[in-house]
PDB file of N, CA and C in Angstrom:
ATOM      1  N   MET A   1       0.967  -1.244  -0.182  1.00  0.00           N
ATOM      2  CA  MET A   1       0.030   0.064   0.123  1.00  0.00           C
ATOM      3  C   MET A   1       0.892   1.278  -0.077  1.00  0.00           C
ATOM      4  N   THR A   2       1.612   1.252   0.821  1.00  0.00           N
ATOM      5  CA  THR A   2       2.669   2.566   1.070  1.00  0.00           C
ATOM      6  C   THR A   2       3.476   2.891  -0.321  1.00  0.00           C
ATOM      7  N   LYS A   3       3.962   1.564  -0.684  1.00  0.00           N
ATOM      8  CA  LYS A   3       4.595   1.880  -2.192  1.00  0.00           C
ATOM      9  C   LYS A   3       3.680   2.158  -3.028  1.00  0.00           C
ATOM     10  N   LYS A   4       2.440   1.825  -3.185  1.00  0.00           N
ATOM     11  CA  LYS A   4       1.944   2.327  -4.300  1.00  0.00           C
ATOM     12  C   LYS A   4       1.410   3.690  -4.278  1.00  0.00           C
ATOM     13  N   ILE A   5       1.221   4.416  -3.123  1.00  0.00           N
ATOM     14  CA  ILE A   5       0.783   5.512  -2.878  1.00  0.00           C
ATOM     15  C   ILE A   5       2.025   6.590  -3.230  1.00  0.00           C
ATOM     16  N   LEU A   6       3.101   6.041  -2.624  1.00  0.00           N
ATOM     17  CA  LEU A   6       4.249   6.940  -2.964  1.00  0.00           C
ATOM     18  C   LEU A   6       4.715   6.889  -4.338  1.00  0.00           C
ATOM     19  N   ALA A   7       4.772   5.910  -5.050  1.00  0.00           N
ATOM     20  CA  ALA A   7       5.001   5.980  -6.373  1.00  0.00           C
ATOM     21  C   ALA A   7       4.083   6.862  -7.416  1.00  0.00           C
ATOM     22  N   TYR A   8       2.723   6.757  -6.870  1.00  0.00           N
ATOM     23  CA  TYR A   8       1.768   7.469  -7.371  1.00  0.00           C
ATOM     24  C   TYR A   8       2.178   9.020  -7.389  1.00  0.00           C
ATOM     25  N   ILE A   9       2.459   9.586  -5.841  1.00  0.00           N
ATOM     26  CA  ILE A   9       2.622  10.854  -5.686  1.00  0.00           C
ATOM     27  C   ILE A   9       3.880  11.217  -6.607  1.00  0.00           C
ATOM     28  N   GLN A  10       4.875  10.306  -6.363  1.00  0.00           N
ATOM     29  CA  GLN A  10       6.197  11.092  -6.967  1.00  0.00           C
ATOM     30  C   GLN A  10       6.058  10.970  -8.703  1.00  0.00           C
ATOM     31  N   GLU A  11       5.710  10.096  -9.100  1.00  0.00           N
ATOM     32  CA  GLU A  11       5.446   9.837 -10.683  1.00  0.00           C
ATOM     33  C   GLU A  11       4.401  10.849 -11.181  1.00  0.00           C
ATOM     34  N   ASP A  12       3.120  10.782 -10.756  1.00  0.00           N
ATOM     35  CA  ASP A  12       2.136  11.243 -11.383  1.00  0.00           C
ATOM     36  C   ASP A  12       2.016  12.630 -10.761  1.00  0.00           C
ATOM     37  N   LEU A  13       1.904  13.029  -9.657  1.00  0.00           N
ATOM     38  CA  LEU A  13       1.805  14.427  -9.005  1.00  0.00           C
ATOM     39  C   LEU A  13       3.188  15.318  -9.065  1.00  0.00           C
ATOM     40  N   LEU A  14       4.094  14.524  -8.616  1.00  0.00           N
ATOM     41  CA  LEU A  14       5.300  15.415  -8.680  1.00  0.00           C
ATOM     42  C   LEU A  14       6.226  15.156  -9.823  1.00  0.00           C
ATOM     43  N   ASN A  15       5.658  14.559 -10.915  1.00  0.00           N
ATOM     44  CA  ASN A  15       6.343  14.312 -12.217  1.00  0.00           C
ATOM     45  C   ASN A  15       8.000  14.060 -12.144  1.00  0.00           C
ATOM     46  N   GLY A  16       8.104  12.874 -10.993  1.00  0.00           N
ATOM     47  CA  GLY A  16       9.493  12.632 -10.894  1.00  0.00           C
ATOM     48  C   GLY A  16      10.284  13.496 -10.482  1.00  0.00           C
ATOM     49  N   SER A  17       9.825  14.783 -10.113  1.00  0.00           N
ATOM     50  CA  SER A  17      10.761  15.803  -9.820  1.00  0.00           C
ATOM     51  C   SER A  17      11.413  15.519  -8.259  1.00  0.00           C
ATOM     52  N   GLU A  18      10.862  15.007  -7.390  1.00  0.00           N
ATOM     53  CA  GLU A  18      11.393  14.789  -6.230  1.00  0.00           C
ATOM     54  C   GLU A  18      11.019  13.511  -5.570  1.00  0.00           C
ATOM     55  N   THR A  19      11.807  12.928  -4.745  1.00  0.00           N
ATOM     56  CA  THR A  19      11.748  11.778  -4.160  1.00  0.00           C
ATOM     57  C   THR A  19      11.005  12.019  -2.483  1.00  0.00           C
ATOM     58  N   ILE A  20      10.410  11.239  -2.236  1.00  0.00           N
ATOM     59  CA  ILE A  20       9.438  11.737  -0.783  1.00  0.00           C
ATOM     60  C   ILE A  20       9.356  10.230   0.017  1.00  0.00           C
ATOM     61  N   ALA A  21       9.484  10.428   1.386  1.00  0.00           N
ATOM     62  CA  ALA A  21       9.417   9.224   2.284  1.00  0.00           C
ATOM     63  C   ALA A  21       8.127   9.211   2.923  1.00  0.00           C
ATOM     64  N   ALA A  22       7.413   8.203   3.361  1.00  0.00           N
ATOM     65  CA  ALA A  22       6.240   7.830   3.644  1.00  0.00           C
ATOM     66  C   ALA A  22       5.689   8.881   4.876  1.00  0.00           C
ATOM     67  N   GLU A  23       6.839   9.526   5.664  1.00  0.00           N
ATOM     68  CA  GLU A  23       6.552  10.341   6.672  1.00  0.00           C
ATOM     69  C   GLU A  23       6.495  11.816   6.579  1.00  0.00           C
ATOM     70  N   ASP A  24       6.781  12.059   5.123  1.00  0.00           N
ATOM     71  CA  ASP A  24       7.067  13.432   4.760  1.00  0.00           C
ATOM     72  C   ASP A  24       5.697  14.197   4.807  1.00  0.00           C
ATOM     73  N   ASP A  25       5.776  15.141   5.243  1.00  0.00           N
ATOM     74  CA  ASP A  25       4.580  16.282   5.088  1.00  0.00           C
ATOM     75  C   ASP A  25       4.384  16.787   3.835  1.00  0.00           C
ATOM     76  N   LEU A  26       2.889  16.251   2.968  1.00  0.00           N
ATOM     77  CA  LEU A  26       2.531  16.682   1.712  1.00  0.00           C
ATOM     78  C   LEU A  26       1.902  17.955   1.771  1.00  0.00           C
ATOM     79  N   LEU A  27       1.409  18.211   2.806  1.00  0.00           N
ATOM     80  CA  LEU A  27       0.314  19.335   2.528  1.00  0.00           C
ATOM     81  C   LEU A  27       0.813  20.779   3.045  1.00  0.00           C
ATOM     82  N   THR A  28       1.314  20.908   4.395  1.00  0.00           N
ATOM     83  CA  THR A  28       1.858  22.179   4.645  1.00  0.00           C
ATOM     84  C   THR A  28       3.108  22.410   4.339  1.00  0.00           C
ATOM     85  N   SER A  29       3.997  21.505   3.770  1.00  0.00           N
ATOM     86  CA  SER A  29       5.222  21.651   2.965  1.00  0.00           C
ATOM     87  C   SER A  29       5.086  22.194   1.742  1.00  0.00           C
ATOM     88  N   GLY A  30       3.797  21.995   1.375  1.00  0.00           N
ATOM     89  CA  GLY A  30       3.479  22.841  -0.221  1.00  0.00           C
ATOM     90  C   GLY A  30       4.127  21.859  -1.267  1.00  0.00           C
ATOM     91  N   LEU A  31       4.097  20.646  -0.930  1.00  0.00           N
ATOM     92  CA  LEU A  31       4.394  19.415  -2.009  1.00  0.00           C
ATOM     93  C   LEU A  31       3.277  19.201  -2.910  1.00  0.00           C
ATOM     94  N   LEU A  32       2.018  19.074  -2.159  1.00  0.00           N
ATOM     95  CA  LEU A  32       0.769  18.921  -3.051  1.00  0.00           C
ATOM     96  C   LEU A  32      -0.231  19.800  -2.817  1.00  0.00           C
ATOM     97  N   ASP A  33      -0.601  20.736  -3.911  1.00  0.00           N
ATOM     98  CA  ASP A  33      -1.693  21.601  -3.720  1.00  0.00           C
ATOM     99  C   ASP A  33      -2.957  21.144  -3.783  1.00  0.00           C
ATOM    100  N   SER A  34      -4.156  21.802  -3.517  1.00  0.00           N
ATOM    101  CA  SER A  34      -5.331  21.276  -3.168  1.00  0.00           C
ATOM    102  C   SER A  34      -5.856  20.267  -4.516  1.00  0.00           C
ATOM    103  N   MET A  35      -5.705  20.570  -5.808  1.00  0.00           N
ATOM    104  CA  MET A  35      -5.842  19.931  -7.004  1.00  0.00           C
ATOM    105  C   MET A  35      -5.130  18.490  -6.717  1.00  0.00           C
ATOM    106  N   ALA A  36      -3.825  18.614  -6.356  1.00  0.00           N
ATOM    107  CA  ALA A  36      -3.149  17.365  -6.467  1.00  0.00           C
ATOM    108  C   ALA A  36      -3.879  16.492  -5.365  1.00  0.00           C
ATOM    109  N   VAL A  37      -3.987  17.106  -4.258  1.00  0.00           N
ATOM    110  CA  VAL A  37      -4.869  16.382  -3.051  1.00  0.00           C
ATOM    111  C   VAL A  37      -6.093  15.568  -3.514  1.00  0.00           C
ATOM    112  N   MET A  38      -6.992  16.436  -4.364  1.00  0.00           N
ATOM    113  CA  MET A  38      -8.169  15.650  -4.852  1.00  0.00           C
ATOM    114  C   MET A  38      -7.901  14.613  -5.974  1.00  0.00           C
ATOM    115  N   LYS A  39      -6.706  14.632  -6.759  1.00  0.00           N
ATOM    116  CA  LYS A  39      -6.396  13.651  -7.355  1.00  0.00           C
ATOM    117  C   LYS A  39      -5.763  12.570  -6.582  1.00  0.00           C
ATOM    118  N   LEU A  40      -5.048  12.695  -5.455  1.00  0.00           N
ATOM    119  CA  LEU A  40      -4.673  11.669  -4.623  1.00  0.00           C
ATOM    120  C   LEU A  40      -5.667  10.851  -3.919  1.00  0.00           C
ATOM    121  N   ILE A  41      -6.788  11.781  -3.639  1.00  0.00           N
ATOM    122  CA  ILE A  41      -7.883  11.076  -2.989  1.00  0.00           C
ATOM    123  C   ILE A  41      -8.837  10.073  -3.934  1.00  0.00           C
ATOM    124  N   THR A  42      -8.879  10.607  -5.296  1.00  0.00           N
ATOM    125  CA  THR A  42      -9.507   9.980  -6.176  1.00  0.00           C
ATOM    126  C   THR A  42      -8.745   8.419  -6.627  1.00  0.00           C
ATOM    127  N   PHE A  43      -7.069   8.658  -6.428  1.00  0.00           N
ATOM    128  CA  PHE A  43      -6.325   7.572  -6.736  1.00  0.00           C
ATOM    129  C   PHE A  43      -6.418   6.504  -5.548  1.00  0.00           C
ATOM    130  N   VAL A  44      -6.538   6.897  -4.406  1.00  0.00           N
ATOM    131  CA  VAL A  44      -6.817   6.186  -3.331  1.00  0.00           C
ATOM    132  C   VAL A  44      -8.249   5.324  -3.388  1.00  0.00           C
ATOM    133  N   GLU A  45      -9.185   6.133  -3.616  1.00  0.00           N
ATOM    134  CA  GLU A  45     -10.631   5.487  -3.817  1.00  0.00           C
ATOM    135  C   GLU A  45     -10.610   4.297  -4.893  1.00  0.00           C
ATOM    136  N   GLU A  46      -9.901   4.686  -5.822  1.00  0.00           N
ATOM    137  CA  GLU A  46     -10.288   3.835  -7.099  1.00  0.00           C
ATOM    138  C   GLU A  46      -8.882   2.517  -6.717  1.00  0.00           C
ATOM    139  N   GLU A  47      -7.712   2.757  -6.380  1.00  0.00           N
ATOM    140  CA  GLU A  47      -6.819   1.911  -6.385  1.00  0.00           C
ATOM    141  C   GLU A  47      -7.219   0.887  -4.830  1.00  0.00           C
ATOM    142  N   PHE A  48      -7.793   1.165  -4.134  1.00  0.00           N
ATOM    143  CA  PHE A  48      -7.902   0.465  -2.963  1.00  0.00           C
ATOM    144  C   PHE A  48      -9.366   0.405  -2.629  1.00  0.00           C
ATOM    145  N   LYS A  49     -10.195   0.549  -3.477  1.00  0.00           N
ATOM    146  CA  LYS A  49     -11.794   0.154  -3.600  1.00  0.00           C
ATOM    147  C   LYS A  49     -12.627   0.327  -2.376  1.00  0.00           C
ATOM    148  N   THR A  50     -12.109   1.879  -2.124  1.00  0.00           N
ATOM    149  CA  THR A  50     -12.838   2.308  -1.042  1.00  0.00           C
ATOM    150  C   THR A  50     -13.315   3.792  -1.105  1.00  0.00           C
ATOM    151  N   ALA A  51     -14.599   4.262  -0.711  1.00  0.00           N
ATOM    152  CA  ALA A  51     -15.158   5.437  -0.906  1.00  0.00           C
ATOM    153  C   ALA A  51     -14.824   6.314   0.407  1.00  0.00           C
ATOM    154  N   ILE A  52     -14.396   7.547  -0.006  1.00  0.00           N
ATOM    155  CA  ILE A  52     -13.893   8.462   1.149  1.00  0.00           C
ATOM    156  C   ILE A  52     -14.980   9.642   1.363  1.00  0.00           C
ATOM    157  N   PRO A  53     -15.780   9.364   2.508  1.00  0.00           N
ATOM    158  CA  PRO A  53     -16.799  10.554   2.653  1.00  0.00           C
ATOM    159  C   PRO A  53     -16.112  11.881   2.727  1.00  0.00           C
ATOM    160  N   PRO A  54     -16.714  12.872   1.996  1.00  0.00           N
ATOM    161  CA  PRO A  54     -16.365  14.490   2.285  1.00  0.00           C
ATOM    162  C   PRO A  54     -15.822  14.471   3.757  1.00  0.00           C
ATOM    163  N   GLU A  55     -16.543  14.428   4.797  1.00  0.00           N
ATOM    164  CA  GLU A  55     -15.820  14.693   6.049  1.00  0.00           C
ATOM    165  C   GLU A  55     -14.694  13.733   6.673  1.00  0.00           C
ATOM    166  N   ASP A  56     -14.147  12.868   5.945  1.00  0.00           N
ATOM    167  CA  ASP A  56     -13.040  12.373   6.018  1.00  0.00           C
ATOM    168  C   ASP A  56     -11.893  12.931   5.153  1.00  0.00           C
ATOM    169  N   MET A  57     -11.964  13.857   4.282  1.00  0.00           N
ATOM    170  CA  MET A  57     -11.155  14.470   3.284  1.00  0.00           C
ATOM    171  C   MET A  57     -10.468  15.650   4.338  1.00  0.00           C
ATOM    172  N   THR A  58      -9.634  15.141   5.147  1.00  0.00           N
ATOM    173  CA  THR A  58      -9.013  16.148   6.121  1.00  0.00           C
ATOM    174  C   THR A  58      -7.427  16.080   6.013  1.00  0.00           C
ATOM    175  N   ILE A  59      -6.833  16.934   6.610  1.00  0.00           N
ATOM    176  CA  ILE A  59      -5.340  17.240   6.835  1.00  0.00           C
ATOM    177  C   ILE A  59      -4.996  15.940   7.734  1.00  0.00           C
ATOM    178  N   GLU A  60      -5.715  15.704   8.934  1.00  0.00           N
ATOM    179  CA  GLU A  60      -5.230  14.283   9.642  1.00  0.00           C
ATOM    180  C   GLU A  60      -5.297  13.349   8.851  1.00  0.00           C
ATOM    181  N   HIS A  61      -5.958  13.133   7.782  1.00  0.00           N
ATOM    182  CA  HIS A  61      -5.922  11.649   7.433  1.00  0.00           C
ATOM    183  C   HIS A  61      -5.046  11.928   5.944  1.00  0.00           C
ATOM    184  N   PHE A  62      -4.828  12.813   5.237  1.00  0.00           N
ATOM    185  CA  PHE A  62      -3.986  12.889   4.204  1.00  0.00           C
ATOM    186  C   PHE A  62      -2.627  14.141   4.275  1.00  0.00           C
ATOM    187  N   MET A  63      -2.187  13.982   5.454  1.00  0.00           N
ATOM    188  CA  MET A  63      -0.875  14.795   5.966  1.00  0.00           C
ATOM    189  C   MET A  63       0.092  14.218   5.261  1.00  0.00           C
ATOM    190  N   SER A  64       0.339  12.795   5.227  1.00  0.00           N
ATOM    191  CA  SER A  64       1.483  12.069   4.741  1.00  0.00           C
ATOM    192  C   SER A  64       0.851  10.786   4.154  1.00  0.00           C
ATOM    193  N   VAL A  65       1.909  10.037   3.703  1.00  0.00           N
ATOM    194  CA  VAL A  65       1.265   8.597   3.318  1.00  0.00           C
ATOM    195  C   VAL A  65       1.297   7.673   4.340  1.00  0.00           C
ATOM    196  N   GLU A  66       1.912   7.794   5.395  1.00  0.00           N
ATOM    197  CA  GLU A  66       1.669   7.171   6.671  1.00  0.00           C
ATOM    198  C   GLU A  66       0.325   7.336   7.268  1.00  0.00           C
ATOM    199  N   THR A  67      -0.015   8.457   7.331  1.00  0.00           N
ATOM    200  CA  THR A  67      -1.471   8.967   7.723  1.00  0.00           C
ATOM    201  C   THR A  67      -2.428   8.397   6.975  1.00  0.00           C
ATOM    202  N   ILE A  68      -2.353   8.293   5.627  1.00  0.00           N
ATOM    203  CA  ILE A  68      -3.136   7.755   4.759  1.00  0.00           C
ATOM    204  C   ILE A  68      -3.327   6.459   4.943  1.00  0.00           C
ATOM    205  N   GLN A  69      -2.290   5.882   5.028  1.00  0.00           N
ATOM    206  CA  GLN A  69      -2.196   4.067   5.001  1.00  0.00           C
ATOM    207  C   GLN A  69      -2.894   3.839   6.547  1.00  0.00           C
ATOM    208  N   ALA A  70      -2.642   4.570   7.588  1.00  0.00           N
ATOM    209  CA  ALA A  70      -3.534   4.529   9.131  1.00  0.00           C
ATOM    210  C   ALA A  70      -4.943   4.575   8.649  1.00  0.00           C
ATOM    211  N   TYR A  71      -5.452   5.721   8.073  1.00  0.00           N
ATOM    212  CA  TYR A  71      -6.659   5.944   7.786  1.00  0.00           C
ATOM    213  C   TYR A  71      -7.302   4.669   7.034  1.00  0.00           C
ATOM    214  N   LEU A  72      -6.728   4.217   6.051  1.00  0.00           N
ATOM    215  CA  LEU A  72      -7.440   3.209   5.285  1.00  0.00           C
ATOM    216  C   LEU A  72      -7.431   1.901   5.854  1.00  0.00           C
ATOM    217  N   GLN A  73      -6.545   1.484   6.810  1.00  0.00           N
ATOM    218  CA  GLN A  73      -6.415   0.527   7.884  1.00  0.00           C
ATOM    219  C   GLN A  73      -7.525   0.533   8.699  1.00  0.00           C
ATOM    220  N   SER A  74      -7.832   1.857   9.361  1.00  0.00           N
ATOM    221  CA  SER A  74      -8.849   1.712  10.146  1.00  0.00           C
ATOM    222  C   SER A  74     -10.155   1.828   9.620  1.00  0.00           C
ATOM    223  N   ARG A  75     -10.369   2.143   8.323  1.00  0.00           N
ATOM    224  CA  ARG A  75     -11.628   1.998   7.499  1.00  0.00           C
ATOM    225  C   ARG A  75     -11.733   0.483   7.190  1.00  0.00           C
ATOM    226  N   ASN A  76     -10.668  -0.284   6.942  1.00  0.00           N
ATOM    227  CA  ASN A  76     -10.950  -1.353   6.693  1.00  0.00           C
ATOM    228  C   ASN A  76     -10.926  -2.718   8.034  1.00  0.00           C
ATOM    229  N   ALA A  77     -10.726  -1.780   8.918  1.00  0.00           N
ATOM    230  CA  ALA A  77     -10.807  -2.706  10.299  1.00  0.00           C
ATOM    231  C   ALA A  77     -12.093  -3.240  10.820  1.00  0.00           C
TER     232      ALA A  77
END
């Protein structure tokens, strides 16, 4: 899961211009803008077959790849 999300961010959203780690802050660091975050949410929904309700589209859940993974695991538990 982590590798797929990291690869998508690096290759599709950052166009291969940066290498990131799972713990890197994606939002407040400016790595991703709001459009990129929406693309990331769409990718996560499609790739992992889960619907993310609007109330869960928060900084807490999408701050880093680690927080995305933790969120997805909590939804599947």
